[in-house]
Amino acid sequence: MSKLASPIAVVTGVGPGTGSALVRRFAAGGYRVAMLARDERRLKDLQAEIPNAASFPCDVADPVALETTLTQIDRSLGTPKVVVHNAVGGAFGGFTEIDPGILRTNFETNVMALLHLARHVVPPMAAADGGSLIVTGNTSALRGRQRFAGFAPTKAAQRILAESIAREMGPKGVHVAYLVIDAVIDVPWARERYKDAADDFFIKPSAIAEEVWHVAHQDRSAWSFLTEVRPYRETW
């Protein structure tokens, strides 16, 4: 596919699990993919492995760095058709145990980065006949469990922000959606933590990426905002 014919996708939080799977899925679907993450070496390795993937090292919690990086993407690749905010900041502990600063830090990654990202990419999408902004979340966006005080409030705020943007921009042709991942993602650290778990306890990163692809390409007559995915044996 030629450069001019290839749509652009931007994926934040390109780690070894969901982020990398998203890059592979969109590249396989004919997109040129801009990859954002703090780990420059991982991005360079993926760039060497995946055709049409380009690395843009960036800490999305830094608004200046994020804006600079998005401008670089605009200039080198063009206006994105699909943007996936997959970057996440998390912490676990009771509300009397956590460092209050960690909540603020996670808010910058999960909420403020989404705001800055949307402000940059969504207006050009609307001017270019539409696009999709997909946010990956989890059940902390829907409930505040104990020991999630440093994390759940930011994911709930993230979901509400995404919904606000969706309601404003949907009529202008930009599809904003929130994917709740109710599962333990199959990555090495999770396998180590849940050593006795069966394979069907985990959700596959490739399956998450496939659902993001599906939501990003829904027909305009049947857009969804809130989508949930979980393994078939998950209790919910």
Protein backbone atom coordinates (compact mmCIF):
# COMPACT_ATOMS: atom_id res chain seq x y z
CA MET A 1 0.00 0.00 0.00
CA SER A 2 1.42 3.38 -0.96
CA LYS A 3 2.21 6.04 1.60
CA LEU A 4 -0.53 8.33 0.33
CA ALA A 5 -3.14 5.56 0.44
CA SER A 6 -2.24 4.23 3.87
CA PRO A 7 -4.23 5.56 6.83
CA ILE A 8 -2.40 6.54 10.00
CA ALA A 9 -2.89 4.99 13.44
CA VAL A 10 -1.36 6.26 16.67
CA VAL A 11 -0.96 3.94 19.67
CA THR A 12 0.19 5.18 23.08
CA GLY A 13 1.56 2.89 25.77
CA VAL A 14 3.25 0.42 23.44
CA GLY A 15 4.44 -2.21 25.90
CA PRO A 16 5.04 -5.95 25.49
CA GLY A 17 1.35 -6.88 25.74
CA THR A 18 -1.66 -4.96 24.47
CA GLY A 19 0.28 -2.07 22.96
CA SER A 20 2.47 -4.27 20.79
CA ALA A 21 -0.55 -6.35 19.76
CA LEU A 22 -2.37 -3.19 18.70
CA VAL A 23 0.57 -2.10 16.57
CA ARG A 24 0.73 -5.49 14.88
CA ARG A 25 -3.02 -5.55 14.19
CA PHE A 26 -3.21 -2.10 12.67
CA ALA A 27 -0.03 -2.59 10.65
CA ALA A 28 -1.45 -5.88 9.34
CA GLY A 29 -4.62 -3.98 8.42
CA GLY A 30 -2.73 -1.59 6.17
CA TYR A 31 -2.09 1.31 8.55
CA ARG A 32 1.14 3.16 9.11
CA VAL A 33 1.42 3.08 12.89
CA ALA A 34 3.04 5.67 15.13
CA MET A 35 4.14 4.01 18.39
CA LEU A 36 4.43 6.05 21.60
CA ALA A 37 6.07 4.82 24.80
CA ARG A 38 8.87 5.75 27.16
CA ASP A 39 10.97 2.67 26.31
CA GLU A 40 12.90 3.74 23.22
CA ARG A 41 14.67 0.40 22.79
CA ARG A 42 11.40 -1.55 22.73
CA LEU A 43 10.00 0.81 20.11
CA LYS A 44 13.12 0.50 17.96
CA ASP A 45 12.94 -3.31 18.15
CA LEU A 46 9.27 -3.25 17.12
CA GLN A 47 10.02 -0.82 14.31
CA ALA A 48 12.61 -3.25 12.98
CA GLU A 49 10.14 -6.13 13.26
CA ILE A 50 6.88 -4.61 12.01
CA PRO A 51 6.59 -3.05 8.55
CA ASN A 52 5.00 0.42 8.54
CA ALA A 53 5.57 0.97 12.28
CA ALA A 54 7.46 4.07 13.41
CA SER A 55 8.82 4.77 16.88
CA PHE A 56 8.18 8.03 18.71
CA PRO A 57 9.62 7.80 22.25
CA CYS A 58 7.50 9.95 24.56
CA ASP A 59 6.22 10.22 28.11
CA VAL A 60 2.56 11.02 27.50
CA ALA A 61 2.25 12.40 31.05
CA ASP A 62 4.46 15.31 29.92
CA PRO A 63 2.10 17.61 27.97
CA VAL A 64 4.91 19.49 26.22
CA ALA A 65 6.60 16.27 25.11
CA LEU A 66 3.28 14.83 23.98
CA GLU A 67 2.38 17.89 21.92
CA THR A 68 5.84 17.95 20.34
CA THR A 69 5.61 14.26 19.47
CA LEU A 70 2.12 14.55 17.98
CA THR A 71 3.30 17.45 15.84
CA GLN A 72 6.21 15.30 14.64
CA ILE A 73 3.76 12.57 13.70
CA ASP A 74 1.60 15.04 11.78
CA ARG A 75 4.60 16.25 9.82
CA SER A 76 6.19 12.87 9.09
CA LEU A 77 3.10 10.70 8.60
CA GLY A 78 -0.02 12.85 8.38
CA THR A 79 -3.37 13.20 10.15
CA PRO A 80 -4.28 10.05 12.12
CA LYS A 81 -7.41 8.13 11.23
CA VAL A 82 -7.35 6.04 14.41
CA VAL A 83 -5.81 6.88 17.79
CA VAL A 84 -5.68 4.39 20.66
CA HIS A 85 -4.87 5.70 24.13
CA ASN A 86 -3.45 2.59 25.75
CA ALA A 87 -0.91 4.21 28.09
CA VAL A 88 -1.74 3.60 31.74
CA GLY A 89 -0.46 4.61 35.15
CA GLY A 90 -1.41 2.35 38.05
CA ALA A 91 -0.79 1.85 41.75
CA PHE A 92 -2.29 -0.34 44.42
CA GLY A 93 -2.80 0.24 48.11
CA GLY A 94 -5.33 1.53 50.60
CA PHE A 95 -6.19 5.21 50.66
CA THR A 96 -4.20 5.69 53.89
CA GLU A 97 -1.18 3.83 52.47
CA ILE A 98 -0.58 5.29 49.04
CA ASP A 99 1.57 8.31 48.40
CA PRO A 100 -0.99 10.96 47.37
CA GLY A 101 1.42 12.04 44.67
CA ILE A 102 0.98 8.72 42.86
CA LEU A 103 -2.70 9.48 42.33
CA ARG A 104 -1.74 12.80 40.74
CA THR A 105 0.87 11.09 38.56
CA ASN A 106 -1.60 8.46 37.38
CA PHE A 107 -4.15 11.18 36.67
CA GLU A 108 -1.64 12.83 34.34
CA THR A 109 -1.16 9.63 32.34
CA ASN A 110 -4.70 8.32 32.33
CA VAL A 111 -6.77 11.51 32.14
CA MET A 112 -4.75 14.58 31.24
CA ALA A 113 -2.85 12.76 28.50
CA LEU A 114 -6.20 11.73 27.01
CA LEU A 115 -7.37 15.33 27.11
CA HIS A 116 -4.22 16.64 25.42
CA LEU A 117 -4.30 13.81 22.90
CA ALA A 118 -7.93 14.44 22.02
CA ARG A 119 -7.44 18.20 21.71
CA HIS A 120 -4.67 17.60 19.18
CA VAL A 121 -6.07 14.76 17.07
CA VAL A 122 -9.86 15.02 17.17
CA PRO A 123 -10.45 18.40 15.45
CA PRO A 124 -8.34 17.41 12.41
CA MET A 125 -10.20 14.09 12.28
CA ALA A 126 -13.50 15.94 12.14
CA ALA A 127 -12.15 18.16 9.37
CA ALA A 128 -10.90 15.12 7.44
CA ASP A 129 -14.20 13.22 7.27
CA GLY A 130 -13.93 11.41 10.57
CA GLY A 131 -11.84 8.99 12.55
CA SER A 132 -11.78 7.01 15.78
CA LEU A 133 -10.36 7.63 19.24
CA ILE A 134 -10.37 4.44 21.32
CA VAL A 135 -9.40 4.29 25.00
CA THR A 136 -8.44 1.03 26.69
CA GLY A 137 -9.66 0.77 30.27
CA ASN A 138 -10.63 -1.81 32.86
CA THR A 139 -13.23 -2.41 35.54
CA SER A 140 -11.66 0.25 37.75
CA ALA A 141 -13.43 2.67 35.43
CA LEU A 142 -16.73 1.31 36.77
CA ARG A 143 -16.08 0.58 40.45
CA GLY A 144 -13.77 1.59 43.27
CA ARG A 145 -12.53 -1.59 44.92
CA GLN A 146 -10.48 -1.56 48.11
CA ARG A 147 -6.74 -0.98 47.60
CA PHE A 148 -7.42 0.70 44.25
CA ALA A 149 -7.51 4.24 45.65
CA GLY A 150 -4.43 5.30 43.68
CA PHE A 151 -5.81 4.02 40.39
CA ALA A 152 -9.59 3.61 40.13
CA PRO A 153 -10.42 7.34 40.48
CA THR A 154 -8.27 8.10 37.45
CA LYS A 155 -9.82 5.39 35.29
CA ALA A 156 -13.33 6.49 36.23
CA ALA A 157 -12.43 10.06 35.30
CA GLN A 158 -10.90 8.80 32.07
CA ARG A 159 -14.12 7.03 31.10
CA ILE A 160 -16.23 10.11 31.86
CA LEU A 161 -13.88 12.34 29.88
CA ALA A 162 -14.05 9.96 26.93
CA GLU A 163 -17.84 9.93 27.12
CA SER A 164 -17.98 13.71 27.15
CA ILE A 165 -15.77 13.87 24.05
CA ALA A 166 -17.85 11.14 22.39
CA ARG A 167 -21.11 13.01 22.92
CA GLU A 168 -19.63 16.21 21.52
CA MET A 169 -17.76 14.76 18.57
CA GLY A 170 -19.94 11.84 17.49
CA PRO A 171 -22.32 14.08 15.53
CA LYS A 172 -19.24 15.58 13.84
CA GLY A 173 -18.09 12.20 12.56
CA VAL A 174 -15.50 11.21 15.16
CA HIS A 175 -16.12 7.93 16.95
CA VAL A 176 -14.88 7.91 20.55
CA ALA A 177 -15.17 4.64 22.44
CA TYR A 178 -14.07 3.09 25.73
CA LEU A 179 -13.06 -0.56 26.00
CA VAL A 180 -13.33 -2.12 29.48
CA ILE A 181 -10.92 -5.05 29.80
CA ASP A 182 -12.24 -7.24 32.62
CA ALA A 183 -9.39 -9.72 32.80
CA VAL A 184 -5.76 -10.39 33.56
CA ILE A 185 -3.82 -9.73 30.37
CA ASP A 186 -1.51 -12.52 29.24
CA VAL A 187 1.94 -10.98 29.72
CA PRO A 188 5.04 -12.53 31.35
CA TRP A 189 4.70 -10.79 34.73
CA ALA A 190 1.06 -11.91 34.99
CA ARG A 191 2.00 -15.50 34.16
CA GLU A 192 4.61 -15.35 36.91
CA ARG A 193 2.13 -13.95 39.41
CA TYR A 194 -0.63 -16.43 38.56
CA LYS A 195 1.52 -19.52 38.06
CA ASP A 196 -1.28 -22.00 38.66
CA ALA A 197 -3.81 -20.33 36.39
CA ALA A 198 -5.10 -22.11 33.30
CA ASP A 199 -4.63 -20.57 29.88
CA ASP A 200 -8.29 -19.56 29.71
CA PHE A 201 -7.88 -17.45 32.85
CA PHE A 202 -6.02 -14.82 30.80
CA ILE A 203 -7.13 -12.54 28.00
CA LYS A 204 -4.92 -12.57 24.92
CA PRO A 205 -3.41 -9.22 23.87
CA SER A 206 -4.13 -10.17 20.27
CA ALA A 207 -7.83 -10.64 21.13
CA ILE A 208 -7.94 -7.20 22.74
CA ALA A 209 -6.34 -5.72 19.65
CA GLU A 210 -8.89 -7.45 17.43
CA GLU A 211 -11.74 -5.91 19.43
CA VAL A 212 -10.17 -2.45 19.26
CA TRP A 213 -9.86 -2.91 15.50
CA HIS A 214 -13.53 -3.90 15.32
CA VAL A 215 -14.73 -0.92 17.38
CA ALA A 216 -12.57 1.49 15.40
CA HIS A 217 -14.18 0.30 12.17
CA GLN A 218 -17.82 0.03 13.18
CA ASP A 219 -20.42 1.23 10.70
CA ARG A 220 -21.59 4.77 11.49
CA SER A 221 -25.13 3.51 11.90
CA ALA A 222 -24.10 1.30 14.83
CA TRP A 223 -21.36 2.98 16.86
CA SER A 224 -20.79 1.80 20.42
CA PHE A 225 -19.27 3.81 23.23
CA LEU A 226 -18.79 1.39 26.13
CA THR A 227 -17.62 -2.12 25.25
CA GLU A 228 -16.56 -4.86 27.69
CA VAL A 229 -14.40 -7.89 27.02
CA ARG A 230 -13.55 -10.78 29.36
CA PRO A 231 -12.58 -14.46 29.15
CA TYR A 232 -15.58 -16.76 28.87
CA ARG A 233 -14.94 -18.23 32.34
CA GLU A 234 -14.47 -14.89 34.09
CA THR A 235 -16.85 -14.29 37.02
CA TRP A 236 -18.62 -10.94 36.66
